[in-house]
Amino acid sequence: MSAADATPCIADREPWKTVGDVAAAGWSSAKLAEMEARLYPMATTSMMVAQGGEIVYRYGNLSDVSYLASARKSILSMLFGRYVAEGKIDLDMTIGEIGVEEEDGLLPLEKTAKVEDLLTSSSGVYHAAGSPGGNENTPERGKTKPGSVFLYNNWDFNVLGAIFEKRTGKTVFQALKEDLADPLGFEDFDINRQRMMGYENQSRYLAYHLFLSARDMARLGQLMLQGGKWGGRTIVPESWIAESTEMRFTPEQTKSKEGLGYGYLWWLPTSNDPSFKGAFLMNGNFGQFVLCLPAIDTVVVHRRAVTDEFAIARNQGETTYEPTKVSAGDFLSIAETVVAART
């Protein structure tokens, strides 16, 4: 039976269960201990591995709520699914048709970018973004056909949040609560902690920043593994999960040194390990990751917590300090060690 057909192991509002016998669940305690030893010198603050909806490994404080950085983008992709299916969001609509504009104007070619182009970070709109963290080396404006070139650009992601809100009538934070946190029974969610952040006077579109715990992030990964179903309800259409995790740009096109392709706001590992077949990844700065491994019904969550105060200061341009981080390459190496601990 596939994970999508299985009854979720976590009922609404119930905490995660931990497997009673790691060996009986198909994992080597000794190999997990070897993996853990690799975490000690890293900036990791928490990590969680769940298989079949039950925890097989935990490290640090899984209830600690902290800043998600760009892992937020994959969550927005999850939120899009329902409203695309309902017809409220049309991926073929252009930003010109929707009414996206900037104070200093957008060029005619830029206005032909479709919602789908923004979802694949290939809008070709190289206007300055309203928040840090994207590729700052943007090409000359008005020269790139929308949909043709991948460029990790926070302008695209921030505008997607604005489009979502305009087309659905909900804020991103309201939708996160009503469409995901409430039905999935998040244990640590506080809507008042979520906040818009960004630079003043650089773009109309600021970033919708999210603050969640590791164990609540794991619920999102588990939902994806279950084909968008939870407690007998469809939370995210299964067809959208397939569509959003389909590779749209290859690692060569994304220029990813970790071998990551890109779908609709999801990064896609290209490991030759059979356990990674069909894998997809939330990827946030400093070390915020959720890796979904459908082939082995496993979610791996990794956190490198930073304080709210630092996250706010950084996103408002008040500091350029870069704390010690866990890179995507470092995390994927750890994830390979996790997979190797299966017996």
Protein backbone atom coordinates (compact mmCIF):
# COMPACT_ATOMS: atom_id res chain seq x y z
CA MET A 1 0.00 0.00 0.00
CA SER A 2 1.36 3.40 -0.93
CA ALA A 3 1.77 6.26 1.54
CA ALA A 4 -0.94 8.15 -0.34
CA ASP A 5 -3.43 5.33 0.29
CA ALA A 6 -2.50 4.81 3.92
CA THR A 7 -4.46 6.16 6.86
CA PRO A 8 -2.39 8.97 8.41
CA CYS A 9 -0.58 7.86 11.53
CA ILE A 10 -1.07 11.27 13.13
CA ALA A 11 -4.63 12.14 14.03
CA ASP A 12 -5.79 15.72 14.26
CA ARG A 13 -4.33 17.50 17.29
CA GLU A 14 -2.42 14.41 18.41
CA PRO A 15 1.34 14.60 18.90
CA TRP A 16 3.81 12.62 16.87
CA LYS A 17 4.32 9.01 17.91
CA THR A 18 7.81 7.59 18.28
CA VAL A 19 8.54 4.04 17.18
CA GLY A 20 9.06 1.74 20.14
CA ASP A 21 11.76 -0.39 18.51
CA VAL A 22 14.00 1.31 15.96
CA ALA A 23 15.47 -2.01 14.81
CA ALA A 24 12.04 -3.55 14.30
CA ALA A 25 11.08 -0.50 12.26
CA GLY A 26 13.99 -1.24 9.92
CA TRP A 27 16.70 1.12 11.15
CA SER A 28 20.15 0.60 12.60
CA SER A 29 20.64 2.37 15.93
CA ALA A 30 24.39 2.13 15.50
CA LYS A 31 24.33 3.81 12.10
CA LEU A 32 21.97 6.51 13.33
CA ALA A 33 24.42 7.13 16.18
CA GLU A 34 27.24 7.48 13.65
CA MET A 35 25.13 9.97 11.73
CA GLU A 36 24.41 11.89 14.92
CA ALA A 37 28.10 12.21 15.67
CA ARG A 38 28.43 14.13 12.41
CA LEU A 39 25.87 16.65 13.67
CA TYR A 40 27.78 17.61 16.81
CA PRO A 41 30.27 20.01 15.14
CA MET A 42 27.61 21.43 12.81
CA ALA A 43 25.31 24.41 13.43
CA THR A 44 22.31 22.03 13.54
CA THR A 45 19.85 22.86 16.32
CA SER A 46 17.27 20.13 15.66
CA MET A 47 16.61 17.25 13.32
CA MET A 48 13.84 14.71 12.91
CA VAL A 49 13.40 11.59 10.81
CA ALA A 50 9.94 10.09 10.43
CA GLN A 51 8.94 6.98 8.49
CA GLY A 52 5.31 6.00 7.97
CA GLY A 53 4.21 8.92 10.13
CA GLU A 54 6.23 7.91 13.21
CA ILE A 55 9.48 9.35 14.53
CA VAL A 56 12.49 7.06 14.21
CA TYR A 57 15.11 9.65 15.16
CA ARG A 58 15.11 13.01 16.94
CA TYR A 59 17.82 15.51 17.79
CA GLY A 60 17.45 18.75 19.72
CA ASN A 61 14.20 20.53 20.50
CA LEU A 62 11.60 19.69 17.87
CA SER A 63 9.07 22.17 19.32
CA ASP A 64 11.38 25.18 18.99
CA VAL A 65 9.72 27.69 16.63
CA SER A 66 12.07 29.64 14.39
CA TYR A 67 12.51 31.35 11.05
CA LEU A 68 12.08 29.25 7.90
CA ALA A 69 13.90 31.49 5.38
CA SER A 70 13.26 30.25 1.82
CA ALA A 71 11.67 26.98 2.97
CA ARG A 72 8.57 29.21 3.05
CA LYS A 73 8.37 29.08 -0.74
CA SER A 74 7.57 25.38 -0.93
CA ILE A 75 4.79 25.92 1.63
CA LEU A 76 3.30 28.61 -0.62
CA SER A 77 3.36 26.06 -3.43
CA MET A 78 1.32 23.71 -1.23
CA LEU A 79 -1.19 26.49 -0.56
CA PHE A 80 -1.55 27.21 -4.28
CA GLY A 81 -2.80 23.69 -5.06
CA ARG A 82 -6.34 24.02 -3.77
CA TYR A 83 -6.96 27.36 -5.43
CA VAL A 84 -5.53 26.28 -8.77
CA ALA A 85 -7.89 23.30 -8.66
CA GLU A 86 -10.82 25.60 -7.83
CA GLY A 87 -9.95 27.89 -10.73
CA LYS A 88 -9.25 30.91 -8.54
CA ILE A 89 -5.62 30.94 -9.68
CA ASP A 90 -4.87 30.40 -13.37
CA LEU A 91 -1.23 29.54 -14.02
CA ASP A 92 -1.53 30.90 -17.57
CA MET A 93 -2.57 34.38 -16.46
CA THR A 94 0.09 37.02 -16.98
CA ILE A 95 1.16 39.43 -14.31
CA GLY A 96 -0.03 42.22 -16.58
CA GLU A 97 -3.53 40.73 -16.63
CA ILE A 98 -3.49 40.34 -12.86
CA GLY A 99 -2.42 43.94 -12.36
CA VAL A 100 1.08 43.44 -10.93
CA GLU A 101 2.95 46.75 -11.13
CA GLU A 102 5.83 48.61 -9.54
CA GLU A 103 6.16 52.29 -8.64
CA ASP A 104 8.85 52.74 -11.30
CA GLY A 105 6.96 50.57 -13.78
CA LEU A 106 7.40 47.16 -15.39
CA LEU A 107 8.45 46.70 -19.01
CA PRO A 108 6.02 45.32 -21.63
CA LEU A 109 7.99 42.06 -21.96
CA GLU A 110 8.06 41.64 -18.19
CA LYS A 111 4.28 41.97 -18.00
CA THR A 112 3.90 38.89 -20.23
CA ALA A 113 5.33 36.64 -17.48
CA LYS A 114 2.78 34.04 -16.40
CA VAL A 115 2.04 32.83 -12.89
CA GLU A 116 3.67 29.54 -13.89
CA ASP A 117 6.88 31.39 -14.76
CA LEU A 118 6.99 32.88 -11.26
CA LEU A 119 6.43 29.42 -9.74
CA THR A 120 9.53 28.19 -11.57
CA SER A 121 11.58 31.32 -10.77
CA SER A 122 11.88 32.10 -14.46
CA SER A 123 9.74 35.23 -14.86
CA GLY A 124 12.48 37.21 -16.59
CA VAL A 125 11.44 40.17 -14.41
CA TYR A 126 14.66 41.48 -12.94
CA HIS A 127 13.25 44.34 -10.93
CA ALA A 128 14.90 44.76 -7.52
CA ALA A 129 13.31 42.48 -4.94
CA GLY A 130 11.75 43.78 -1.74
CA SER A 131 13.74 41.37 0.44
CA PRO A 132 17.24 39.85 0.58
CA GLY A 133 18.22 36.27 -0.19
CA GLY A 134 17.82 35.92 -3.96
CA ASN A 135 20.36 36.18 -6.75
CA GLU A 136 21.58 39.77 -6.67
CA ASN A 137 23.41 39.48 -10.01
CA THR A 138 20.37 40.06 -12.17
CA PRO A 139 20.76 40.58 -15.92
CA GLU A 140 19.64 43.66 -17.81
CA ARG A 141 15.90 44.08 -17.70
CA GLY A 142 13.65 43.48 -20.67
CA LYS A 143 16.01 41.09 -22.49
CA THR A 144 14.91 37.67 -21.19
CA LYS A 145 11.81 35.90 -22.45
CA PRO A 146 9.64 34.85 -19.50
CA GLY A 147 9.84 31.12 -18.78
CA SER A 148 13.12 30.61 -20.61
CA VAL A 149 15.82 31.09 -17.95
CA PHE A 150 15.93 30.02 -14.30
CA LEU A 151 17.15 32.76 -11.96
CA TYR A 152 16.52 32.46 -8.24
CA ASN A 153 14.87 35.82 -7.72
CA ASN A 154 12.95 36.88 -4.63
CA TRP A 155 10.90 39.30 -6.70
CA ASP A 156 9.15 36.29 -8.24
CA PHE A 157 8.47 34.65 -4.89
CA ASN A 158 7.22 37.80 -3.16
CA VAL A 159 4.91 38.63 -6.07
CA LEU A 160 3.50 35.09 -5.91
CA GLY A 161 2.43 35.81 -2.35
CA ALA A 162 0.67 38.98 -3.49
CA ILE A 163 -1.03 37.14 -6.37
CA PHE A 164 -2.18 34.41 -3.99
CA GLU A 165 -3.73 37.00 -1.70
CA LYS A 166 -5.39 38.92 -4.53
CA ARG A 167 -6.88 35.85 -6.19
CA THR A 168 -8.02 34.02 -3.03
CA GLY A 169 -9.03 36.89 -0.76
CA LYS A 170 -6.91 35.37 2.03
CA THR A 171 -3.57 36.47 3.39
CA VAL A 172 -0.81 33.87 3.11
CA PHE A 173 -0.78 33.63 6.90
CA GLN A 174 -4.55 33.17 7.13
CA ALA A 175 -4.40 30.42 4.49
CA LEU A 176 -1.49 28.77 6.28
CA LYS A 177 -3.59 28.60 9.44
CA GLU A 178 -6.91 27.61 7.88
CA ASP A 179 -5.71 25.35 5.07
CA LEU A 180 -2.72 23.63 6.68
CA ALA A 181 -2.04 24.34 10.37
CA ASP A 182 -5.58 23.72 11.62
CA PRO A 183 -6.46 20.57 9.64
CA LEU A 184 -3.01 19.04 10.22
CA GLY A 185 -3.10 19.80 13.94
CA PHE A 186 0.08 21.88 14.18
CA GLU A 187 1.30 21.79 17.78
CA ASP A 188 3.33 25.01 17.88
CA PHE A 189 1.71 27.39 15.39
CA ASP A 190 1.15 31.06 16.23
CA ILE A 191 -0.34 33.15 13.44
CA ASN A 192 0.84 36.32 15.17
CA ARG A 193 4.45 35.26 14.78
CA GLN A 194 4.21 35.19 10.97
CA ARG A 195 5.08 38.53 9.40
CA MET A 196 5.67 40.48 6.22
CA MET A 197 9.23 41.75 5.97
CA GLY A 198 11.45 43.56 3.53
CA TYR A 199 13.15 46.74 2.44
CA GLU A 200 11.31 50.02 2.25
CA ASN A 201 10.96 51.75 -1.13
CA GLN A 202 12.63 49.00 -3.21
CA SER A 203 9.57 47.06 -4.36
CA ARG A 204 5.84 47.04 -3.66
CA TYR A 205 6.13 43.36 -2.83
CA LEU A 206 7.54 42.28 0.51
CA ALA A 207 8.22 38.73 1.69
CA TYR A 208 5.70 36.61 3.63
CA HIS A 209 7.99 35.13 6.29
CA LEU A 210 7.05 32.05 8.27
CA PHE A 211 8.08 30.80 11.72
CA LEU A 212 7.40 27.12 12.47
CA SER A 213 8.74 24.23 14.54
CA ALA A 214 10.52 21.15 13.20
CA ARG A 215 7.69 18.84 14.18
CA ASP A 216 5.09 21.00 12.43
CA MET A 217 7.28 21.23 9.33
CA ALA A 218 7.42 17.43 9.40
CA ARG A 219 3.61 17.34 9.20
CA LEU A 220 3.82 19.28 5.95
CA GLY A 221 6.28 16.74 4.59
CA GLN A 222 4.09 13.88 5.76
CA LEU A 223 1.07 15.44 4.06
CA MET A 224 3.00 15.55 0.79
CA LEU A 225 3.97 11.87 1.16
CA GLN A 226 0.32 11.00 1.79
CA GLY A 227 -0.72 12.48 -1.53
CA GLY A 228 -2.21 15.57 0.13
CA LYS A 229 -4.67 13.55 2.27
CA TRP A 230 -5.05 13.88 6.04
CA GLY A 231 -7.66 12.35 8.29
CA GLY A 232 -9.78 11.32 5.32
CA ARG A 233 -9.72 14.82 3.81
CA THR A 234 -7.92 16.13 0.75
CA ILE A 235 -5.85 19.08 1.93
CA VAL A 236 -3.68 19.48 -1.19
CA PRO A 237 -4.85 17.93 -4.48
CA GLU A 238 -2.74 14.88 -5.33
CA SER A 239 -2.50 16.07 -8.93
CA TRP A 240 -0.95 19.34 -7.72
CA ILE A 241 1.64 17.47 -5.67
CA ALA A 242 2.69 15.59 -8.80
CA GLU A 243 2.65 18.74 -10.90
CA SER A 244 4.54 20.91 -8.42
CA THR A 245 7.30 18.34 -7.82
CA GLU A 246 7.87 17.63 -11.52
CA MET A 247 11.25 18.86 -12.72
CA ARG A 248 10.86 22.08 -14.71
CA PHE A 249 14.53 23.11 -14.70
CA THR A 250 17.44 20.67 -14.51
CA PRO A 251 20.43 21.06 -12.16
CA GLU A 252 22.43 22.29 -15.15
CA GLN A 253 19.84 25.03 -15.74
CA THR A 254 19.61 25.99 -12.06
CA LYS A 255 23.42 25.91 -11.83
CA SER A 256 23.08 23.93 -8.61
CA LYS A 257 26.36 22.53 -7.34
CA GLU A 258 24.32 20.11 -5.19
CA GLY A 259 22.56 18.61 -8.24
CA LEU A 260 19.18 20.16 -7.46
CA GLY A 261 16.57 20.69 -10.15
CA TYR A 262 13.48 22.86 -9.67
CA GLY A 263 9.72 22.40 -9.89
CA TYR A 264 7.03 24.76 -8.61
CA LEU A 265 8.90 26.26 -5.63
CA TRP A 266 10.34 22.83 -4.74
CA TRP A 267 13.99 21.80 -5.17
CA LEU A 268 14.47 18.32 -6.64
CA PRO A 269 17.49 16.17 -5.66
CA THR A 270 18.97 14.03 -8.42
CA SER A 271 20.82 11.40 -6.37
CA ASN A 272 21.32 7.98 -7.97
CA ASP A 273 20.35 6.31 -4.67
CA PRO A 274 17.01 4.51 -5.24
CA SER A 275 15.79 5.85 -1.89
CA PHE A 276 15.91 9.36 -3.40
CA LYS A 277 13.70 8.50 -6.37
CA GLY A 278 10.99 11.16 -6.66
CA ALA A 279 12.48 13.19 -3.77
CA PHE A 280 11.70 16.86 -3.23
CA LEU A 281 13.10 19.43 -0.84
CA MET A 282 12.23 22.61 1.04
CA ASN A 283 15.46 24.58 1.13
CA GLY A 284 15.96 27.57 3.45
CA ASN A 285 19.01 29.69 4.23
CA PHE A 286 21.13 28.89 7.29
CA GLY A 287 19.96 25.25 7.34
CA GLN A 288 16.16 24.96 7.19
CA PHE A 289 15.24 21.82 5.24
CA VAL A 290 12.39 19.37 4.76
CA LEU A 291 13.34 16.42 2.56
CA CYS A 292 10.53 14.16 1.36
CA LEU A 293 11.53 10.68 0.20
CA PRO A 294 8.42 9.01 -1.28
CA ALA A 295 10.32 5.85 -2.24
CA ILE A 296 10.86 5.00 1.44
CA ASP A 297 7.93 6.97 2.96
CA THR A 298 10.36 9.10 4.96
CA VAL A 299 10.58 12.77 5.94
CA VAL A 300 13.81 14.34 7.16
CA VAL A 301 13.57 17.77 8.81
CA HIS A 302 16.67 19.79 9.66
CA ARG A 303 16.77 23.11 11.48
CA ARG A 304 19.44 25.67 12.21
CA ALA A 305 17.48 28.06 14.40
CA VAL A 306 18.18 31.79 14.34
CA THR A 307 16.51 34.32 16.60
CA ASP A 308 13.45 36.24 15.46
CA GLU A 309 15.34 39.45 16.19
CA PHE A 310 18.15 38.57 13.79
CA ALA A 311 15.74 37.34 11.10
CA ILE A 312 13.78 40.57 11.28
CA ALA A 313 16.89 42.77 11.22
CA ARG A 314 18.32 40.89 8.25
CA ASN A 315 15.13 41.05 6.22
CA GLN A 316 14.76 44.76 6.88
CA GLY A 317 18.30 45.42 5.72
CA GLU A 318 19.55 46.40 9.18
CA THR A 319 22.37 43.82 9.22
CA THR A 320 24.37 41.83 6.69
CA TYR A 321 25.80 39.48 9.31
CA GLU A 322 25.86 35.83 8.23
CA PRO A 323 25.81 33.30 11.07
CA THR A 324 27.31 29.84 10.75
CA LYS A 325 25.02 27.82 8.53
CA VAL A 326 24.37 24.30 7.30
CA SER A 327 24.45 24.31 3.51
CA ALA A 328 22.21 22.26 1.25
CA GLY A 329 25.23 20.15 0.35
CA ASP A 330 26.00 19.50 4.03
CA PHE A 331 22.39 18.55 4.68
CA LEU A 332 22.11 16.23 1.69
CA SER A 333 25.28 14.47 2.83
CA ILE A 334 23.67 13.94 6.24
CA ALA A 335 20.46 12.76 4.55
CA GLU A 336 22.43 10.16 2.59
CA THR A 337 23.83 8.92 5.91
CA VAL A 338 20.28 8.75 7.30
CA VAL A 339 19.14 6.65 4.34
CA ALA A 340 22.16 4.38 4.76
CA ALA A 341 21.00 3.65 8.32
CA ARG A 342 18.01 1.73 7.01
CA THR A 343 18.41 -2.03 7.33
